[in-house]
C-alpha atoms as a PDB file:
ATOM      1  CA  MET A   1    -150.514-170.020 -44.932  1.00  0.00           C
ATOM      2  CA  PRO A   2    -151.487-171.220 -41.439  1.00  0.00           C
ATOM      3  CA  SER A   3    -153.726-174.229 -41.136  1.00  0.00           C
ATOM      4  CA  ASP A   4    -157.612-173.541 -41.131  1.00  0.00           C
ATOM      5  CA  PHE A   5    -157.621-173.395 -37.290  1.00  0.00           C
ATOM      6  CA  ASP A   6    -154.478-171.393 -36.738  1.00  0.00           C
ATOM      7  CA  ALA A   7    -153.384-167.665 -36.433  1.00  0.00           C
ATOM      8  CA  ASN A   8    -149.662-166.899 -37.160  1.00  0.00           C
ATOM      9  CA  VAL A   9    -147.395-163.932 -37.315  1.00  0.00           C
ATOM     10  CA  LYS A  10    -145.703-164.653 -40.633  1.00  0.00           C
ATOM     11  CA  LEU A  11    -143.095-161.987 -40.573  1.00  0.00           C
ATOM     12  CA  LEU A  12    -141.835-159.314 -38.306  1.00  0.00           C
ATOM     13  CA  ASP A  13    -139.825-156.364 -39.252  1.00  0.00           C
ATOM     14  CA  ALA A  14    -138.361-153.206 -37.531  1.00  0.00           C
ATOM     15  CA  VAL A  15    -138.769-150.423 -40.112  1.00  0.00           C
ATOM     16  CA  ASP A  16    -138.129-146.647 -40.268  1.00  0.00           C
ATOM     17  CA  SER A  17    -141.083-144.653 -39.069  1.00  0.00           C
ATOM     18  CA  GLY A  18    -143.759-144.407 -41.573  1.00  0.00           C
ATOM     19  CA  THR A  19    -142.057-146.777 -44.274  1.00  0.00           C
ATOM     20  CA  PHE A  20    -141.649-150.437 -45.142  1.00  0.00           C
ATOM     21  CA  PHE A  21    -137.966-150.193 -45.305  1.00  0.00           C
ATOM     22  CA  THR A  22    -136.173-152.422 -42.756  1.00  0.00           C
ATOM     23  CA  ILE A  23    -133.864-150.517 -40.364  1.00  0.00           C
ATOM     24  CA  ASP A  24    -130.159-151.446 -40.053  1.00  0.00           C
ATOM     25  CA  ASP A  25    -129.630-149.031 -37.214  1.00  0.00           C
ATOM     26  CA  VAL A  26    -131.655-146.691 -35.057  1.00  0.00           C
ATOM     27  CA  SER A  27    -130.475-143.779 -32.978  1.00  0.00           C
ATOM     28  CA  ASN A  28    -130.576-144.358 -29.227  1.00  0.00           C
ATOM     29  CA  GLY A  29    -134.134-143.607 -28.015  1.00  0.00           C
ATOM     30  CA  ALA A  30    -135.519-142.738 -31.557  1.00  0.00           C
ATOM     31  CA  ALA A  31    -138.999-143.723 -32.654  1.00  0.00           C
ATOM     32  CA  PHE A  32    -139.362-146.436 -35.167  1.00  0.00           C
ATOM     33  CA  ASP A  33    -142.041-148.905 -36.294  1.00  0.00           C
ATOM     34  CA  VAL A  34    -142.535-152.646 -36.169  1.00  0.00           C
ATOM     35  CA  ILE A  35    -144.674-154.428 -38.861  1.00  0.00           C
ATOM     36  CA  ALA A  36    -146.205-157.703 -38.163  1.00  0.00           C
ATOM     37  CA  ASN A  37    -147.627-159.683 -41.073  1.00  0.00           C
ATOM     38  CA  VAL A  38    -150.446-161.807 -39.568  1.00  0.00           C
ATOM     39  CA  GLU A  39    -152.669-164.550 -41.037  1.00  0.00           C
ATOM     40  CA  ILE A  40    -155.756-166.329 -39.608  1.00  0.00           C
ATOM     41  CA  GLY A  41    -157.037-169.602 -41.160  1.00  0.00           C
ATOM     42  CA  ARG A  42    -160.326-169.830 -42.599  1.00  0.00           C
ATOM     43  CA  ASP A  43    -162.176-172.021 -40.020  1.00  0.00           C
ATOM     44  CA  LEU A  44    -160.722-169.923 -36.984  1.00  0.00           C
ATOM     45  CA  ASN A  45    -161.616-166.602 -38.700  1.00  0.00           C
ATOM     46  CA  GLN A  46    -165.297-167.830 -38.974  1.00  0.00           C
ATOM     47  CA  ASN A  47    -165.382-167.405 -35.188  1.00  0.00           C
ATOM     48  CA  VAL A  48    -162.894-164.669 -34.175  1.00  0.00           C
ATOM     49  CA  ASP A  49    -163.632-161.991 -31.493  1.00  0.00           C
ATOM     50  CA  SER A  50    -160.205-160.193 -30.990  1.00  0.00           C
ATOM     51  CA  PHE A  51    -156.543-160.056 -31.338  1.00  0.00           C
ATOM     52  CA  ASP A  52    -153.718-159.090 -29.032  1.00  0.00           C
ATOM     53  CA  LEU A  53    -150.351-158.205 -30.510  1.00  0.00           C
ATOM     54  CA  ARG A  54    -147.517-157.725 -28.066  1.00  0.00           C
ATOM     55  CA  VAL A  55    -144.233-156.350 -29.430  1.00  0.00           C
ATOM     56  CA  GLY A  56    -141.178-156.322 -27.229  1.00  0.00           C
ATOM     57  CA  ILE A  57    -137.697-154.717 -28.210  1.00  0.00           C
ATOM     58  CA  VAL A  58    -134.862-156.648 -26.740  1.00  0.00           C
ATOM     59  CA  ASN A  59    -131.290-155.467 -26.221  1.00  0.00           C
ATOM     60  CA  LEU A  60    -129.452-158.714 -27.081  1.00  0.00           C
ATOM     61  CA  THR A  61    -126.079-157.289 -26.123  1.00  0.00           C
ATOM     62  CA  GLN A  62    -127.136-156.397 -22.542  1.00  0.00           C
ATOM     63  CA  SER A  63    -129.720-159.149 -22.298  1.00  0.00           C
ATOM     64  CA  LYS A  64    -132.542-156.996 -21.112  1.00  0.00           C
ATOM     65  CA  SER A  65    -135.950-155.583 -22.393  1.00  0.00           C
ATOM     66  CA  VAL A  66    -135.848-152.181 -23.910  1.00  0.00           C
ATOM     67  CA  THR A  67    -139.578-151.521 -24.336  1.00  0.00           C
ATOM     68  CA  ILE A  68    -142.940-153.279 -24.773  1.00  0.00           C
ATOM     69  CA  VAL A  69    -145.959-151.940 -26.933  1.00  0.00           C
ATOM     70  CA  ASP A  70    -149.400-153.770 -26.947  1.00  0.00           C
ATOM     71  CA  ASP A  71    -151.701-153.468 -29.816  1.00  0.00           C
ATOM     72  CA  SER A  72    -155.201-155.041 -29.653  1.00  0.00           C
ATOM     73  CA  GLY A  73    -158.655-154.870 -31.321  1.00  0.00           C
ATOM     74  CA  ALA A  74    -161.763-156.518 -32.466  1.00  0.00           C
ATOM     75  CA  LEU A  75    -161.987-158.915 -35.230  1.00  0.00           C
ATOM     76  CA  VAL A  76    -165.075-159.530 -37.502  1.00  0.00           C
ATOM     77  CA  PRO A  77    -165.859-163.113 -38.336  1.00  0.00           C
ATOM     78  CA  VAL A  78    -165.654-164.019 -41.980  1.00  0.00           C
ATOM     79  CA  ALA A  79    -165.655-167.396 -43.784  1.00  0.00           C
ATOM     80  CA  THR A  80    -162.308-166.733 -45.487  1.00  0.00           C
ATOM     81  CA  PRO A  81    -158.701-166.536 -44.454  1.00  0.00           C
ATOM     82  CA  PHE A  82    -157.620-163.331 -42.903  1.00  0.00           C
ATOM     83  CA  PHE A  83    -154.459-161.400 -43.849  1.00  0.00           C
ATOM     84  CA  ASP A  84    -153.289-158.122 -42.250  1.00  0.00           C
ATOM     85  CA  GLN A  85    -150.126-155.856 -41.625  1.00  0.00           C
ATOM     86  CA  ARG A  86    -150.195-154.547 -38.113  1.00  0.00           C
ATOM     87  CA  ARG A  87    -147.902-151.405 -37.700  1.00  0.00           C
ATOM     88  CA  VAL A  88    -146.811-150.777 -34.124  1.00  0.00           C
ATOM     89  CA  THR A  89    -144.963-147.526 -33.341  1.00  0.00           C
ATOM     90  CA  ILE A  90    -142.074-147.803 -30.788  1.00  0.00           C
ATOM     91  CA  PRO A  91    -142.262-144.401 -29.311  1.00  0.00           C
ATOM     92  CA  ALA A  92    -139.267-142.226 -28.709  1.00  0.00           C
ATOM     93  CA  GLY A  93    -137.711-142.278 -25.379  1.00  0.00           C
ATOM     94  CA  TRP A  94    -136.770-145.858 -24.867  1.00  0.00           C
ATOM     95  CA  GLY A  95    -133.035-144.913 -24.793  1.00  0.00           C
ATOM     96  CA  ASN A  96    -131.562-147.431 -22.279  1.00  0.00           C
ATOM     97  CA  ALA A  97    -129.077-148.793 -24.655  1.00  0.00           C
ATOM     98  CA  ALA A  98    -125.598-147.933 -25.737  1.00  0.00           C
ATOM     99  CA  VAL A  99    -124.187-147.211 -29.107  1.00  0.00           C
ATOM    100  CA  GLY A 100    -123.326-150.527 -30.820  1.00  0.00           C
ATOM    101  CA  ASP A 101    -125.818-152.556 -28.946  1.00  0.00           C
ATOM    102  CA  VAL A 102    -127.766-155.154 -30.953  1.00  0.00           C
ATOM    103  CA  LEU A 103    -131.549-155.016 -30.727  1.00  0.00           C
ATOM    104  CA  GLN A 104    -134.290-157.393 -31.966  1.00  0.00           C
ATOM    105  CA  ALA A 105    -138.102-157.110 -32.153  1.00  0.00           C
ATOM    106  CA  ARG A 106    -140.046-160.078 -30.829  1.00  0.00           C
ATOM    107  CA  ALA A 107    -143.773-160.419 -30.861  1.00  0.00           C
ATOM    108  CA  SER A 108    -146.766-162.671 -29.904  1.00  0.00           C
ATOM    109  CA  TYR A 109    -150.044-162.661 -31.605  1.00  0.00           C
ATOM    110  CA  LYS A 110    -153.098-164.151 -29.793  1.00  0.00           C
ATOM    111  CA  VAL A 111    -156.417-164.549 -31.493  1.00  0.00           C
ATOM    112  CA  THR A 112    -159.567-165.267 -29.379  1.00  0.00           C
ATOM    113  CA  ALA A 113    -162.478-166.919 -30.764  1.00  0.00           C
ATOM    114  CA  GLY A 114    -165.164-167.479 -28.162  1.00  0.00           C
ATOM    115  CA  ALA A 115    -163.606-169.819 -25.507  1.00  0.00           C
ATOM    116  CA  ASN A 116    -160.867-170.666 -27.871  1.00  0.00           C
ATOM    117  CA  PHE A 117    -157.601-168.948 -28.622  1.00  0.00           C
ATOM    118  CA  ASP A 118    -154.414-169.448 -30.651  1.00  0.00           C
ATOM    119  CA  PHE A 119    -150.983-168.108 -30.116  1.00  0.00           C
ATOM    120  CA  SER A 120    -148.016-167.395 -32.505  1.00  0.00           C
ATOM    121  CA  SER A 121    -144.662-165.632 -32.107  1.00  0.00           C
ATOM    122  CA  ALA A 122    -142.029-164.302 -34.381  1.00  0.00           C
ATOM    123  CA  VAL A 123    -138.677-162.456 -34.177  1.00  0.00           C
ATOM    124  CA  SER A 124    -137.215-159.772 -36.444  1.00  0.00           C
ATOM    125  CA  ASN A 125    -133.779-159.434 -37.886  1.00  0.00           C
ATOM    126  CA  THR A 126    -131.294-157.708 -35.619  1.00  0.00           C
ATOM    127  CA  PHE A 127    -130.402-154.079 -35.884  1.00  0.00           C
ATOM    128  CA  VAL A 128    -127.867-151.764 -34.087  1.00  0.00           C
ATOM    129  CA  VAL A 129    -128.145-148.752 -31.788  1.00  0.00           C
ATOM    130  CA  SER A 130    -126.305-145.810 -33.494  1.00  0.00           C
END
């Protein structure tokens, strides 16, 4: 649980499209999903306006970015902690990797509350291009 004034990405997983099953490998250029479990503390959640989730897929073998997908939206202030699972689809066509390359999802989560904001980041387990 984040502190009362924090927002956190608690867990980041690359998963097969439409499932909750963590992927071990992905075909070069094939679509898949990334799920971010996010939490916002009670005091920050009383003043929230919006969130921005930025998910990047990194090719660790070649030390380069594969693709980046942004997800954002409005948040409704409530006097309780906030828990959510954000599913971001990595669309097909990113195929600038080679079979055997090791990939990893990385994400940042920004919550805006008036003039204030809070950032968090997370990385997934690695997976391989097949």
